[in-house]
Amino acid sequence: MHKISSLRSLLQSKKFIKFTSNKNQEAKLMKLRISITILSLFFYLSAKAQSENADIKCDTSKFKFRLVSEIGFASVLAHHVQFGQNGTYFDYVKDGGQDVLFPITRFSIEMDVNKRNTFILLYQPLRIESQSFLRTDVVFNDITFPALTGINCLYNFPFYRLSYLRELMPDNPRYKFAIGGTLQIRNATISFESTDGSRFTTNGGTGLVPALKIRGKTQLNNCFYAEIEADGIYAPVSYLNGSDNEIVGAILDASLRMGAQINETSRLFLNLRYLGGGATGTDTGDVWPGDGYVKNWLNFLTVSTGFVYQF
C-alpha cells in the first residue's frame, strides 16, 4: 500500500508532468525535423530534375528538322543537244516532242543547327520521255535517224544535292538572308531510239558539280511569307572537279516562293522555278560511242505547290 501511494504521489507531482511534457515536445520536434528534411530533399530533387530537363531541352532545341516536298509541272522553254562534232544540234522542243508539260517532283530534308547553320539534302527526279516524227535527218554519235521515221527520246537527268547555308541575319524577326555552297551529283542518261528498234544510241555519266547558294526570306505578316533561293555557277568543268575535260558547264536553279504558315509545324507554298544549265566540250576519256563532243543546254520553267513539315 505504501508503494502504491508513493507511485500515485509521483504521477501527481509537477516534476513527472514536466518530464513527460518535455518528452512529448522533443518527439514532436523530431517528427517536424524529419518532415522538413524529407520535404527539402523532395524539392531539391525536383528542382534538380527540372534543371536537367531544361538543359536537355536546351541542347535538343539547337536542332530543327524540316521535310519539304513539291509537286507540279515543267515547261521546256528551250532544250538542245548535240553528240559528235558532225552531229545535229537537236531541238527537243521543235523536233523532239518536248512542247508539252511534264510532271515534276522534288524532295528535301533540312537541318538547322542553332540560328545560323542549315544543312540541306535534296533529291530532284528529272525524267522526260517523249516521241516525235522526224521531219529531217538527225545524227547522234555518227548514227543517222532518217526523216519520216519515229524516234523515242529519253532525257533522264536526276540530281542529288548537299548544301550548307550560313545565316547572316539570325536575330532579325522579319528578314533572313543566308549564303553558302552546294555540291551536286549529276546522274545523266540521254538516249535516242527509233520506234522500230533499228537504231539506238545513248550517252551517260555521273559527276560532281560544286556551286554557290543563297536564300532569302521576308515575313510579310503573321501568316504569309516570301522566299527566294538560288544555286548556280558557270565555269570550266576542269576547274570544278579537277578533270582533264575541256568542257564549259553551268547550272542555275532559282526559285521564287510564296507561302503561308498553317500551324506551328506546317506550311504550304506556291513555287515558281527556273532550272537551267548545260555543258559544251569534248570528253577526253572513254568517248565511245562517237568522238566525245557534247553540247547540251536546257531552260526549264516549273510551277509547283509544296508542303513543309517541321519537327
Protein backbone atom coordinates (compact mmCIF):
# COMPACT_ATOMS: atom_id res chain seq x y z
CA MET A 1 0.00 0.00 0.00
CA HIS A 2 2.89 2.27 0.75
CA LYS A 3 4.35 1.64 -2.73
CA ILE A 4 1.02 2.41 -4.40
CA SER A 5 0.69 5.65 -2.52
CA SER A 6 4.20 6.65 -3.48
CA LEU A 7 3.53 5.92 -7.16
CA ARG A 8 0.34 7.97 -7.04
CA SER A 9 2.21 10.85 -5.49
CA LEU A 10 4.83 10.66 -8.20
CA LEU A 11 2.28 10.73 -11.02
CA GLN A 12 0.66 13.77 -9.48
CA SER A 13 3.93 15.58 -8.97
CA LYS A 14 4.90 18.54 -11.22
CA LYS A 15 8.30 17.02 -11.98
CA PHE A 16 6.77 13.97 -13.63
CA ILE A 17 4.32 16.10 -15.61
CA LYS A 18 7.16 18.37 -16.74
CA PHE A 19 9.32 15.35 -17.64
CA THR A 20 6.64 13.69 -19.78
CA SER A 21 5.74 17.01 -21.37
CA ASN A 22 9.36 17.56 -22.40
CA LYS A 23 9.49 14.08 -23.90
CA ASN A 24 6.36 14.72 -25.97
CA GLN A 25 7.70 18.07 -27.20
CA GLU A 26 11.02 16.51 -28.20
CA ALA A 27 9.18 13.78 -30.12
CA LYS A 28 7.10 16.37 -31.94
CA LEU A 29 10.20 18.39 -32.78
CA MET A 30 11.93 15.27 -34.07
CA LYS A 31 8.98 14.47 -36.32
CA LEU A 32 8.94 18.07 -37.54
CA ARG A 33 12.66 17.97 -38.32
CA ILE A 34 12.26 14.70 -40.24
CA SER A 35 9.31 16.10 -42.20
CA ILE A 36 11.21 19.26 -43.07
CA THR A 37 14.24 17.21 -44.16
CA ILE A 38 12.13 14.97 -46.39
CA LEU A 39 10.33 17.95 -47.93
CA SER A 40 13.61 19.74 -48.50
CA LEU A 41 15.08 16.67 -50.19
CA PHE A 42 11.98 16.32 -52.35
CA PHE A 43 12.08 19.94 -53.50
CA TYR A 44 15.82 19.70 -54.15
CA LEU A 45 15.46 16.59 -56.29
CA SER A 46 12.51 18.11 -58.14
CA ALA A 47 14.43 21.30 -58.83
CA LYS A 48 17.46 19.32 -59.99
CA ALA A 49 15.33 17.16 -62.31
CA GLN A 50 13.70 20.25 -63.80
CA SER A 51 17.11 21.82 -64.29
CA GLU A 52 18.41 18.70 -66.06
CA ASN A 53 15.31 18.58 -68.25
CA ALA A 54 15.80 22.23 -69.11
CA ASP A 55 19.40 21.52 -70.06
CA ILE A 56 18.31 18.62 -72.27
CA LYS A 57 15.63 20.75 -73.87
CA CYS A 58 18.13 23.49 -74.49
CA ASP A 59 20.50 21.05 -76.16
CA THR A 60 17.86 19.50 -78.37
CA SER A 61 16.46 22.88 -79.32
CA LYS A 62 19.72 23.57 -81.15
CA PHE A 63 18.48 21.22 -83.89
CA LYS A 64 15.40 21.70 -86.04
CA PHE A 65 14.39 19.40 -88.89
CA ARG A 66 12.16 20.10 -91.87
CA LEU A 67 10.74 17.89 -94.59
CA VAL A 68 9.94 19.67 -97.86
CA SER A 69 8.11 18.20 -100.85
CA GLU A 70 6.94 19.72 -104.14
CA ILE A 71 4.73 18.53 -106.95
CA GLY A 72 3.92 20.37 -110.15
CA PHE A 73 4.75 20.62 -113.84
CA ALA A 74 7.68 21.69 -116.00
CA SER A 75 7.52 23.65 -119.23
CA VAL A 76 10.52 23.32 -121.55
CA LEU A 77 11.44 26.82 -122.69
CA ALA A 78 14.41 25.66 -124.74
CA HIS A 79 16.41 22.46 -124.91
CA HIS A 80 19.15 21.47 -127.36
CA VAL A 81 21.63 18.62 -127.52
CA GLN A 82 24.43 17.57 -129.87
CA PHE A 83 26.52 14.40 -129.76
CA GLY A 84 29.59 14.41 -132.02
CA GLN A 85 31.28 17.21 -133.95
CA ASN A 86 29.31 16.22 -137.06
CA GLY A 87 26.11 15.63 -135.13
CA THR A 88 22.83 17.52 -135.34
CA TYR A 89 22.18 20.31 -132.84
CA PHE A 90 18.84 18.78 -131.96
CA ASP A 91 15.94 20.96 -130.79
CA TYR A 92 13.88 18.95 -128.29
CA VAL A 93 11.01 21.44 -128.30
CA LYS A 94 10.69 21.73 -132.07
CA ASP A 95 11.65 18.19 -133.13
CA GLY A 96 11.72 16.01 -130.00
CA GLY A 97 8.21 16.20 -128.56
CA GLN A 98 9.06 18.40 -125.56
CA ASP A 99 6.47 21.03 -126.45
CA VAL A 100 4.09 19.81 -123.74
CA LEU A 101 4.05 19.94 -119.93
CA PHE A 102 5.78 17.26 -117.84
CA PRO A 103 5.10 16.28 -114.21
CA ILE A 104 7.83 17.06 -111.72
CA THR A 105 8.51 16.33 -108.05
CA ARG A 106 11.17 17.45 -105.59
CA PHE A 107 12.09 16.31 -102.07
CA SER A 108 14.46 17.61 -99.42
CA ILE A 109 15.25 17.38 -95.73
CA GLU A 110 16.76 20.32 -93.87
CA MET A 111 18.51 20.58 -90.52
CA ASP A 112 19.05 23.84 -88.63
CA VAL A 113 21.88 23.94 -86.10
CA ASN A 114 21.45 26.89 -83.75
CA LYS A 115 20.25 30.02 -85.53
CA ARG A 116 22.96 30.31 -88.17
CA ASN A 117 23.65 26.94 -89.80
CA THR A 118 21.44 24.97 -92.18
CA PHE A 119 22.26 21.69 -93.92
CA ILE A 120 20.11 20.53 -96.85
CA LEU A 121 19.89 17.18 -98.61
CA LEU A 122 17.83 17.37 -101.82
CA TYR A 123 16.72 14.87 -104.46
CA GLN A 124 15.32 16.10 -107.76
CA PRO A 125 13.97 13.47 -110.18
CA LEU A 126 14.06 14.70 -113.77
CA ARG A 127 12.97 12.13 -116.31
CA ILE A 128 11.41 13.25 -119.59
CA GLU A 129 10.28 10.70 -122.17
CA SER A 130 8.89 11.90 -125.47
CA GLN A 131 8.18 10.71 -129.00
CA SER A 132 8.35 12.53 -132.29
CA PHE A 133 8.08 12.06 -136.03
CA LEU A 134 11.25 13.38 -137.66
CA ARG A 135 10.89 15.89 -140.47
CA THR A 136 14.60 15.82 -141.40
CA ASP A 137 17.55 13.51 -140.89
CA VAL A 138 19.24 13.82 -137.48
CA VAL A 139 22.63 12.46 -136.45
CA PHE A 140 23.77 11.43 -132.96
CA ASN A 141 27.19 9.81 -132.37
CA ASP A 142 27.57 9.24 -136.16
CA ILE A 143 24.27 7.32 -136.28
CA THR A 144 21.70 8.75 -138.68
CA PHE A 145 18.00 8.69 -137.85
CA PRO A 146 16.26 9.29 -141.19
CA ALA A 147 13.44 11.70 -141.87
CA LEU A 148 9.82 10.50 -141.87
CA THR A 149 10.53 7.94 -139.12
CA GLY A 150 9.57 7.88 -135.49
CA ILE A 151 12.00 8.45 -132.63
CA ASN A 152 11.83 7.84 -128.86
CA CYS A 153 13.73 10.37 -126.74
CA LEU A 154 14.81 9.83 -123.15
CA TYR A 155 16.29 12.66 -121.13
CA ASN A 156 16.94 11.34 -117.63
CA PHE A 157 18.89 13.82 -115.51
CA PRO A 158 18.10 13.36 -111.79
CA PHE A 159 20.44 15.02 -109.33
CA TYR A 160 21.31 14.86 -105.67
CA ARG A 161 22.42 17.96 -103.83
CA LEU A 162 24.07 18.57 -100.45
CA SER A 163 24.06 22.22 -99.38
CA TYR A 164 25.17 24.38 -96.48
CA LEU A 165 23.87 27.86 -95.61
CA ARG A 166 25.18 30.40 -93.12
CA GLU A 167 22.54 32.82 -91.85
CA LEU A 168 23.68 36.47 -91.82
CA MET A 169 20.64 37.93 -90.02
CA PRO A 170 19.82 35.40 -87.26
CA ASP A 171 18.16 37.86 -84.86
CA ASN A 172 16.02 39.73 -87.37
CA PRO A 173 12.40 38.59 -86.92
CA ARG A 174 11.27 39.77 -90.37
CA TYR A 175 14.16 39.32 -92.78
CA LYS A 176 16.52 36.39 -93.31
CA PHE A 177 19.44 36.06 -95.70
CA ALA A 178 21.94 33.21 -95.93
CA ILE A 179 24.85 32.33 -98.19
CA GLY A 180 26.69 29.06 -98.67
CA GLY A 181 27.63 26.34 -101.07
CA THR A 182 26.27 23.29 -102.84
CA LEU A 183 27.73 20.01 -104.04
CA GLN A 184 25.59 18.43 -106.74
CA ILE A 185 25.83 14.88 -108.03
CA ARG A 186 24.57 14.61 -111.58
CA ASN A 187 23.41 11.25 -112.91
CA ALA A 188 22.65 11.62 -116.60
CA THR A 189 21.31 9.25 -119.26
CA ILE A 190 20.35 10.62 -122.68
CA SER A 191 19.10 8.15 -125.27
CA PHE A 192 17.59 8.12 -128.75
CA GLU A 193 15.90 5.07 -130.29
CA SER A 194 13.97 4.65 -133.49
CA THR A 195 10.41 3.48 -132.91
CA ASP A 196 11.06 0.32 -134.98
CA GLY A 197 14.08 -0.54 -132.83
CA SER A 198 16.58 -0.47 -135.69
CA ARG A 199 18.72 2.38 -134.34
CA PHE A 200 19.80 3.28 -130.83
CA THR A 201 22.42 5.46 -129.15
CA THR A 202 22.95 6.66 -125.62
CA ASN A 203 25.24 8.89 -123.60
CA GLY A 204 25.51 8.93 -119.86
CA GLY A 205 27.70 9.61 -116.88
CA THR A 206 27.96 10.88 -113.33
CA GLY A 207 29.93 13.74 -111.86
CA LEU A 208 30.31 16.24 -109.05
CA VAL A 209 29.42 19.89 -109.59
CA PRO A 210 30.06 22.49 -106.85
CA ALA A 211 28.03 25.69 -106.85
CA LEU A 212 27.22 28.77 -104.79
CA LYS A 213 23.96 29.08 -102.90
CA ILE A 214 21.85 31.92 -101.46
CA ARG A 215 18.49 32.04 -99.68
CA GLY A 216 16.41 34.98 -98.51
CA LYS A 217 13.09 35.23 -96.71
CA THR A 218 10.69 38.05 -95.87
CA GLN A 219 7.93 37.59 -93.30
CA LEU A 220 5.05 39.62 -94.76
CA ASN A 221 2.81 39.23 -91.71
CA ASN A 222 1.99 36.62 -89.09
CA CYS A 223 0.77 34.19 -91.74
CA PHE A 224 2.34 34.87 -95.16
CA TYR A 225 5.96 34.96 -96.27
CA ALA A 226 8.02 35.28 -99.46
CA GLU A 227 11.26 33.43 -100.17
CA ILE A 228 13.95 33.39 -102.85
CA GLU A 229 16.59 30.71 -103.34
CA ALA A 230 19.27 30.08 -105.95
CA ASP A 231 22.08 27.60 -106.66
CA GLY A 232 24.38 28.37 -109.53
CA ILE A 233 27.81 28.56 -111.11
CA TYR A 234 29.45 29.00 -114.52
CA ALA A 235 32.97 27.68 -115.03
CA PRO A 236 35.11 25.17 -116.94
CA VAL A 237 34.42 21.66 -115.69
CA SER A 238 38.15 21.01 -115.25
CA TYR A 239 38.27 23.80 -112.68
CA LEU A 240 35.25 22.43 -110.86
CA ASN A 241 36.15 18.76 -110.49
CA GLY A 242 39.85 18.57 -111.43
CA SER A 243 39.31 16.53 -114.62
CA ASP A 244 41.16 16.91 -117.93
CA ASN A 245 37.97 17.57 -119.87
CA GLU A 246 37.89 20.93 -121.64
CA ILE A 247 34.19 21.36 -121.08
CA VAL A 248 32.45 24.57 -120.04
CA GLY A 249 29.46 23.95 -117.80
CA ALA A 250 26.85 25.91 -115.88
CA ILE A 251 23.86 25.38 -113.63
CA LEU A 252 21.23 27.76 -112.29
CA ASP A 253 18.37 26.69 -110.07
CA ALA A 254 16.47 29.81 -108.95
CA SER A 255 13.05 29.98 -107.33
CA LEU A 256 10.50 32.47 -106.02
CA ARG A 257 8.16 31.17 -103.35
CA MET A 258 5.03 32.49 -101.65
CA GLY A 259 3.90 30.59 -98.59
CA ALA A 260 1.52 30.52 -95.67
CA GLN A 261 2.00 29.26 -92.12
CA ILE A 262 -0.79 26.78 -91.42
CA ASN A 263 0.17 25.99 -87.82
CA GLU A 264 3.31 25.81 -85.70
CA THR A 265 4.74 22.86 -87.65
CA SER A 266 3.28 23.10 -91.17
CA ARG A 267 3.48 25.47 -94.14
CA LEU A 268 2.06 25.45 -97.67
CA PHE A 269 3.63 27.28 -100.60
CA LEU A 270 3.41 28.04 -104.31
CA ASN A 271 6.74 27.97 -106.15
CA LEU A 272 7.95 29.38 -109.48
CA ARG A 273 11.35 27.99 -110.52
CA TYR A 274 13.83 28.44 -113.34
CA LEU A 275 16.05 25.41 -113.90
CA GLY A 276 18.77 25.79 -116.49
CA GLY A 277 22.27 24.82 -117.41
CA GLY A 278 24.32 22.53 -119.54
CA ALA A 279 27.80 21.93 -120.93
CA THR A 280 29.82 22.24 -124.12
CA GLY A 281 33.11 20.49 -124.87
CA THR A 282 34.92 17.27 -125.64
CA ASP A 283 35.38 14.39 -123.23
CA THR A 284 38.95 13.08 -123.43
CA GLY A 285 38.23 9.83 -121.63
CA ASP A 286 36.34 6.80 -122.90
CA VAL A 287 34.42 8.55 -125.68
CA TRP A 288 32.60 5.61 -127.27
CA PRO A 289 30.12 5.98 -128.87
CA GLY A 290 31.04 8.98 -131.00
CA ASP A 291 34.02 11.31 -130.72
CA GLY A 292 33.27 12.61 -127.21
CA TYR A 293 31.93 16.00 -128.22
CA VAL A 294 28.85 17.07 -126.25
CA LYS A 295 26.72 20.18 -126.37
CA ASN A 296 23.69 20.15 -124.10
CA TRP A 297 21.81 23.23 -122.85
CA LEU A 298 18.39 23.40 -121.27
CA ASN A 299 15.98 26.02 -119.91
CA PHE A 300 13.02 24.79 -117.87
CA LEU A 301 10.28 26.68 -116.04
CA THR A 302 8.47 24.81 -113.28
CA VAL A 303 5.34 25.67 -111.32
CA SER A 304 4.71 23.66 -108.20
CA THR A 305 2.93 23.59 -104.91
CA GLY A 306 4.60 22.24 -101.81
CA PHE A 307 4.40 21.33 -98.16
CA VAL A 308 6.83 21.95 -95.30
CA TYR A 309 6.67 19.98 -92.07
CA GLN A 310 8.93 20.94 -89.16
CA PHE A 311 9.61 18.62 -86.25
